[in-house]
N, C-alpha and C. Protein backbone atom coordinates (compact mmCIF):
# COMPACT_ATOMS: atom_id res chain seq x y z
N MET A 1 -2.13 20.33 -19.57
CA MET A 1 -2.12 20.20 -20.29
C MET A 1 -3.52 20.12 -21.28
N SER A 2 -3.68 21.66 -22.16
CA SER A 2 -5.92 21.62 -21.95
C SER A 2 -5.35 20.56 -24.25
N LYS A 3 -6.94 20.23 -24.00
CA LYS A 3 -7.49 19.04 -24.69
C LYS A 3 -7.08 19.60 -26.23
N GLU A 4 -6.67 20.95 -26.49
CA GLU A 4 -5.71 21.20 -27.77
C GLU A 4 -4.29 21.39 -28.24
N GLU A 5 -3.94 21.55 -27.38
CA GLU A 5 -2.03 20.88 -26.85
C GLU A 5 -1.89 19.99 -27.26
N ASN A 6 -2.57 18.61 -26.90
CA ASN A 6 -2.03 17.37 -26.88
C ASN A 6 -2.93 16.83 -27.90
N GLY A 7 -3.94 17.19 -28.60
CA GLY A 7 -4.85 16.72 -28.98
C GLY A 7 -6.18 16.03 -29.29
N PHE A 8 -6.89 15.07 -29.28
CA PHE A 8 -7.83 13.85 -29.18
C PHE A 8 -7.34 13.47 -27.63
N TYR A 9 -6.64 13.57 -26.68
CA TYR A 9 -6.04 13.19 -25.37
C TYR A 9 -6.19 13.91 -23.75
N GLN A 10 -7.16 14.21 -22.79
CA GLN A 10 -7.02 14.88 -21.18
C GLN A 10 -6.68 14.06 -21.13
N VAL A 11 -5.88 15.21 -20.08
CA VAL A 11 -5.55 14.65 -18.79
C VAL A 11 -6.34 14.43 -18.02
N PHE A 12 -6.43 13.03 -16.99
CA PHE A 12 -7.48 12.50 -15.51
C PHE A 12 -6.61 12.31 -14.87
N GLU A 13 -7.01 12.43 -14.08
CA GLU A 13 -6.62 12.22 -12.51
C GLU A 13 -7.77 11.29 -11.54
N VAL A 14 -6.98 10.13 -11.35
CA VAL A 14 -7.80 8.82 -10.48
C VAL A 14 -7.47 8.62 -8.73
N PHE A 15 -8.02 8.87 -8.04
CA PHE A 15 -8.56 8.56 -6.42
C PHE A 15 -9.33 7.71 -6.49
N SER A 16 -8.76 6.88 -5.79
CA SER A 16 -9.74 5.80 -5.17
C SER A 16 -9.83 5.33 -3.33
N LYS A 17 -10.99 4.43 -2.86
CA LYS A 17 -10.78 4.04 -1.94
C LYS A 17 -10.64 3.40 -1.18
N LYS A 18 -10.58 2.73 -0.16
CA LYS A 18 -10.02 1.15 -0.37
C LYS A 18 -10.76 0.72 0.81
N THR A 19 -11.48 1.14 1.41
CA THR A 19 -12.58 0.91 2.37
C THR A 19 -13.96 2.24 2.24
N ASP A 20 -14.97 2.04 2.34
CA ASP A 20 -16.37 3.36 2.81
C ASP A 20 -15.46 4.25 3.78
N THR A 21 -14.78 3.93 5.06
CA THR A 21 -14.37 4.80 5.60
C THR A 21 -13.30 6.10 5.37
N SER A 22 -12.13 4.88 4.64
CA SER A 22 -10.68 5.88 4.36
C SER A 22 -11.28 6.58 3.22
N SER A 23 -9.50 7.23 3.43
CA SER A 23 -9.83 8.70 2.08
C SER A 23 -9.32 8.57 1.69
N LEU A 24 -9.91 9.48 -0.12
CA LEU A 24 -9.13 10.02 -0.89
C LEU A 24 -8.01 8.97 -0.73
N GLN A 25 -7.53 8.58 -1.80
CA GLN A 25 -5.93 9.16 -2.62
C GLN A 25 -6.02 9.13 -3.53
N HIS A 26 -4.94 10.04 -3.78
CA HIS A 26 -4.62 10.04 -4.96
C HIS A 26 -3.45 9.13 -6.03
N GLN A 27 -4.24 8.24 -7.09
CA GLN A 27 -3.44 6.61 -7.78
C GLN A 27 -2.55 7.27 -8.34
N PHE A 28 -2.68 7.68 -10.01
CA PHE A 28 -2.57 7.90 -11.03
C PHE A 28 -3.00 8.72 -11.81
N SER A 29 -2.14 9.62 -12.55
CA SER A 29 -2.89 10.84 -14.29
C SER A 29 -3.44 9.08 -15.10
N LEU A 30 -4.24 10.06 -16.20
CA LEU A 30 -4.25 9.18 -16.93
C LEU A 30 -5.08 9.33 -18.39
N LEU A 31 -4.37 9.49 -19.50
CA LEU A 31 -4.18 9.90 -21.41
C LEU A 31 -5.95 9.44 -21.00
N ALA A 32 -6.99 10.02 -21.96
CA ALA A 32 -8.31 9.40 -22.33
C ALA A 32 -9.33 10.44 -23.23
N PRO A 33 -9.73 9.86 -24.00
CA PRO A 33 -10.45 10.70 -24.81
C PRO A 33 -11.42 11.37 -24.53
N ASN A 34 -12.29 10.89 -23.34
CA ASN A 34 -13.03 11.24 -22.52
C ASN A 34 -13.60 10.58 -21.40
N ARG A 35 -14.15 11.78 -20.45
CA ARG A 35 -14.72 10.85 -18.58
C ARG A 35 -15.35 9.78 -18.65
N ASP A 36 -16.10 8.90 -19.74
CA ASP A 36 -16.39 7.72 -19.33
C ASP A 36 -15.06 7.16 -20.08
N LEU A 37 -14.23 7.03 -20.77
CA LEU A 37 -13.75 6.36 -21.23
C LEU A 37 -12.52 6.08 -19.52
N ALA A 38 -11.93 6.67 -19.40
CA ALA A 38 -10.94 7.56 -18.03
C ALA A 38 -11.58 6.79 -16.95
N PHE A 39 -13.41 6.25 -16.38
CA PHE A 39 -13.58 5.72 -15.92
C PHE A 39 -13.52 4.38 -15.95
N ILE A 40 -13.70 4.06 -17.27
CA ILE A 40 -13.51 2.17 -17.48
C ILE A 40 -11.87 1.65 -17.18
N MET A 41 -10.88 2.86 -17.94
CA MET A 41 -10.07 3.11 -17.31
C MET A 41 -8.65 2.28 -16.25
N ALA A 42 -10.13 3.33 -15.53
CA ALA A 42 -9.38 3.42 -13.93
C ALA A 42 -9.68 1.92 -13.70
N LYS A 43 -10.98 1.20 -13.66
CA LYS A 43 -11.78 0.31 -13.26
C LYS A 43 -10.45 -0.91 -13.47
N GLU A 44 -10.74 -0.77 -14.53
CA GLU A 44 -9.91 -2.42 -15.48
C GLU A 44 -8.60 -2.07 -14.47
N ASN A 45 -8.12 -0.80 -14.78
CA ASN A 45 -6.58 -1.24 -13.76
C ASN A 45 -6.90 -1.26 -12.14
N PHE A 46 -7.91 -1.12 -11.81
CA PHE A 46 -8.03 -1.56 -10.12
C PHE A 46 -8.64 -2.87 -9.89
N PHE A 47 -9.78 -3.77 -10.99
CA PHE A 47 -9.99 -5.01 -10.51
C PHE A 47 -9.00 -5.48 -10.57
N ARG A 48 -8.16 -5.84 -11.89
CA ARG A 48 -7.17 -6.09 -11.65
C ARG A 48 -5.98 -5.90 -11.29
N ARG A 49 -5.26 -5.97 -9.99
CA ARG A 49 -4.43 -5.52 -9.20
C ARG A 49 -4.90 -5.17 -7.85
N GLU A 50 -6.01 -4.59 -7.29
CA GLU A 50 -6.81 -4.50 -6.25
C GLU A 50 -8.67 -4.47 -5.52
N GLN A 51 -9.03 -4.87 -4.69
CA GLN A 51 -9.93 -4.34 -4.41
C GLN A 51 -9.63 -2.67 -4.49
N VAL A 52 -10.88 -2.44 -3.84
CA VAL A 52 -11.43 -0.75 -3.84
C VAL A 52 -12.63 -0.60 -3.72
N ALA A 53 -13.10 0.09 -3.12
CA ALA A 53 -14.44 0.45 -2.44
C ALA A 53 -15.07 1.45 -3.03
N ASP A 54 -14.18 2.58 -3.50
CA ASP A 54 -14.89 3.41 -4.78
C ASP A 54 -13.55 4.02 -5.02
N ILE A 55 -13.82 4.98 -6.30
CA ILE A 55 -12.91 5.04 -6.91
C ILE A 55 -13.70 6.23 -8.15
N TRP A 56 -12.76 7.91 -8.11
CA TRP A 56 -12.89 9.07 -8.87
C TRP A 56 -12.11 9.32 -9.48
N VAL A 57 -12.58 9.95 -11.07
CA VAL A 57 -11.45 10.85 -11.97
C VAL A 57 -12.27 12.19 -12.55
N VAL A 58 -11.26 12.44 -12.27
CA VAL A 58 -11.51 13.71 -12.20
C VAL A 58 -10.06 14.26 -13.52
N LYS A 59 -10.66 15.22 -14.23
CA LYS A 59 -10.01 16.25 -14.76
C LYS A 59 -8.90 16.57 -14.66
N ARG A 60 -8.16 16.73 -15.32
CA ARG A 60 -6.93 18.18 -14.20
C ARG A 60 -6.88 18.84 -14.20
N GLU A 61 -7.21 19.64 -15.51
CA GLU A 61 -7.74 21.19 -15.52
C GLU A 61 -8.84 21.58 -14.55
N ASP A 62 -9.87 20.87 -13.89
CA ASP A 62 -10.62 20.38 -12.80
C ASP A 62 -10.66 20.48 -11.19
N VAL A 63 -9.40 20.62 -11.23
CA VAL A 63 -9.00 20.44 -10.22
C VAL A 63 -7.70 22.12 -9.64
N LYS A 64 -8.57 21.80 -8.78
CA LYS A 64 -8.43 23.77 -7.77
C LYS A 64 -7.17 24.10 -7.41
N ARG A 65 -5.65 24.62 -7.36
CA ARG A 65 -4.54 24.19 -7.29
C ARG A 65 -4.86 25.37 -6.30
N MET A 66 -3.81 26.13 -5.03
CA MET A 66 -3.59 27.13 -4.85
C MET A 66 -2.89 27.69 -5.02
N SER A 67 -2.48 28.70 -4.97
CA SER A 67 -1.19 28.83 -5.43
C SER A 67 -0.63 29.31 -4.84
N GLN A 68 0.74 30.20 -5.10
CA GLN A 68 2.19 30.50 -3.72
C GLN A 68 1.08 32.43 -3.07
N ASP A 69 1.20 32.45 -3.65
CA ASP A 69 0.56 33.83 -3.29
C ASP A 69 -0.48 33.42 -1.49
N GLU A 70 -0.80 33.00 -2.43
CA GLU A 70 -2.21 32.68 -0.73
C GLU A 70 -1.63 31.48 -0.19
N ARG A 71 -0.91 30.24 -0.47
CA ARG A 71 -0.64 30.05 0.51
C ARG A 71 0.46 30.55 1.29
N GLU A 72 0.77 31.31 1.39
CA GLU A 72 2.31 32.69 2.03
C GLU A 72 0.35 33.34 2.59
N SER A 73 -0.32 33.45 2.59
CA SER A 73 -1.43 34.44 3.04
C SER A 73 -2.31 33.68 3.78
N MET A 74 -1.55 32.07 3.82
CA MET A 74 -2.73 31.29 5.16
C MET A 74 -1.77 31.16 6.05
N LYS A 75 -0.44 30.88 5.87
CA LYS A 75 0.89 31.40 7.01
C LYS A 75 0.20 32.41 7.21
N GLN A 76 0.02 33.77 7.24
CA GLN A 76 0.08 34.82 7.45
C GLN A 76 -1.45 34.98 9.03
N LEU A 77 -2.42 34.17 8.95
CA LEU A 77 -3.23 33.39 9.67
C LEU A 77 -3.36 33.44 11.00
N ASN A 78 -3.28 33.63 12.18
CA ASN A 78 -3.10 33.11 13.49
C ASN A 78 -4.34 31.79 13.92
N LYS A 79 -4.01 31.16 14.09
CA LYS A 79 -4.83 30.11 14.15
C LYS A 79 -4.99 29.68 15.44
N ASP A 80 -4.45 30.06 16.16
CA ASP A 80 -3.50 29.43 17.70
C ASP A 80 -4.83 28.87 18.85
N TYR A 81 -5.63 29.74 18.03
CA TYR A 81 -7.42 29.90 19.97
C TYR A 81 -8.13 27.91 19.36
N ARG A 82 -7.01 27.60 17.87
CA ARG A 82 -8.26 26.10 17.22
C ARG A 82 -7.88 25.33 18.11
N GLU A 83 -6.55 25.82 18.39
CA GLU A 83 -5.52 24.35 19.42
C GLU A 83 -5.62 24.03 20.56
N THR A 84 -6.20 22.53 21.07
CA THR A 84 -6.36 22.36 21.52
C THR A 84 -4.91 21.97 22.96
N LYS A 85 -4.19 22.93 22.60
CA LYS A 85 -2.73 21.86 23.80
C LYS A 85 -2.92 22.81 24.97
N GLY A 86 -4.05 23.31 25.28
CA GLY A 86 -3.92 24.20 26.77
C GLY A 86 -5.00 23.31 28.14
N TYR A 87 -5.27 22.40 26.93
CA TYR A 87 -6.33 20.85 28.27
C TYR A 87 -6.04 19.92 28.19
N GLY A 88 -4.72 20.09 28.18
CA GLY A 88 -4.22 18.40 28.56
C GLY A 88 -4.73 17.88 29.90
N TYR A 89 -4.35 18.74 30.73
CA TYR A 89 -4.88 18.95 32.43
C TYR A 89 -6.42 18.10 32.87
N LEU A 90 -7.00 18.68 31.31
CA LEU A 90 -8.34 17.84 31.62
C LEU A 90 -8.83 16.24 32.18
N LYS A 91 -7.80 15.38 31.50
CA LYS A 91 -7.69 14.09 31.44
C LYS A 91 -7.81 13.57 33.27
N LYS A 92 -6.23 14.43 33.79
CA LYS A 92 -5.76 13.59 34.28
C LYS A 92 -7.05 14.08 35.69
N LYS A 93 -7.99 16.14 35.65
CA LYS A 93 -8.69 15.74 36.35
C LYS A 93 -10.01 14.70 36.32
N TRP A 94 -10.30 14.93 34.80
CA TRP A 94 -11.59 13.28 34.85
C TRP A 94 -11.69 12.29 35.80
N ARG A 95 -10.03 12.43 35.30
CA ARG A 95 -9.81 10.84 35.64
C ARG A 95 -9.66 10.42 37.39
N GLN A 96 -9.58 12.35 37.87
CA GLN A 96 -9.59 11.88 39.26
C GLN A 96 -11.18 11.76 40.04
N TYR A 97 -11.69 12.25 39.05
CA TYR A 97 -13.09 12.36 39.26
C TYR A 97 -14.34 11.32 39.37
N GLU A 98 -14.01 10.98 38.35
CA GLU A 98 -14.44 9.58 38.69
C GLU A 98 -13.86 8.40 39.16
N GLN A 99 -12.84 8.49 40.02
CA GLN A 99 -12.81 7.85 41.13
C GLN A 99 -13.04 8.50 42.43
N GLU A 100 -13.39 9.20 42.43
CA GLU A 100 -13.82 9.36 43.84
C GLU A 100 -15.25 8.09 43.99
N GLN A 101 -15.09 8.47 45.28
CA GLN A 101 -16.09 7.33 45.85
C GLN A 101 -17.61 8.52 45.89
N LEU A 102 -18.28 8.40 45.42
CA LEU A 102 -19.72 9.34 45.99
C LEU A 102 -20.63 8.73 47.29
N THR A 103 -20.69 9.53 48.01
CA THR A 103 -21.68 8.96 49.32
C THR A 103 -23.12 9.30 48.60
N GLU A 104 -23.85 8.87 49.28
CA GLU A 104 -26.18 9.28 48.76
C GLU A 104 -25.81 10.88 49.02
N LYS A 105 -25.15 11.22 49.80
CA LYS A 105 -25.51 12.03 49.84
C LYS A 105 -25.46 13.21 49.05
N ASP A 106 -24.29 13.28 47.62
CA ASP A 106 -23.76 13.40 46.54
C ASP A 106 -24.37 13.02 45.33
N ILE A 107 -25.60 12.07 46.10
CA ILE A 107 -26.04 10.96 45.09
C ILE A 107 -27.57 12.02 44.90
N MET A 108 -27.92 12.16 45.31
CA MET A 108 -29.12 12.96 46.32
C MET A 108 -29.25 14.85 45.55
N GLY A 109 -28.10 14.85 45.79
CA GLY A 109 -27.19 16.44 45.27
C GLY A 109 -27.85 17.52 46.61
N GLY A 110 -27.54 16.81 47.74
CA GLY A 110 -27.16 17.63 49.24
C GLY A 110 -25.62 17.97 48.67
N GLY A 111 -24.62 16.76 48.10
CA GLY A 111 -23.05 17.46 48.51
C GLY A 111 -22.67 18.44 48.47
N ASP A 112 -21.47 18.65 48.61
CA ASP A 112 -20.47 19.65 49.05
C ASP A 112 -19.95 20.05 47.93
N LYS A 113 -19.66 19.24 46.80
CA LYS A 113 -18.81 19.41 46.07
C LYS A 113 -19.15 20.76 45.03
């Protein structure tokens, strides 16, 4: 909905973080005449209900969403090489290596390992 369609108000999306290290989560949408008033309304809503570390307020029209064609093209990309399924044996191998007893010769660099 653009500003012309609904008159005076614009739609804003509100995101929040519970802690500094948590990720942003979408909370709700609100109608406000401008960004500053939307931010004040979001703060009032949160401080009345729960404690948050950060609040983000964004105009809905400024949020870009992928189209159906873009989503379909992303499915076509093969990214199997980025998955680490083939390295599951390394944890066991590292544990065996850590449990081996090192001799003085191994420490000084003369070991046969």
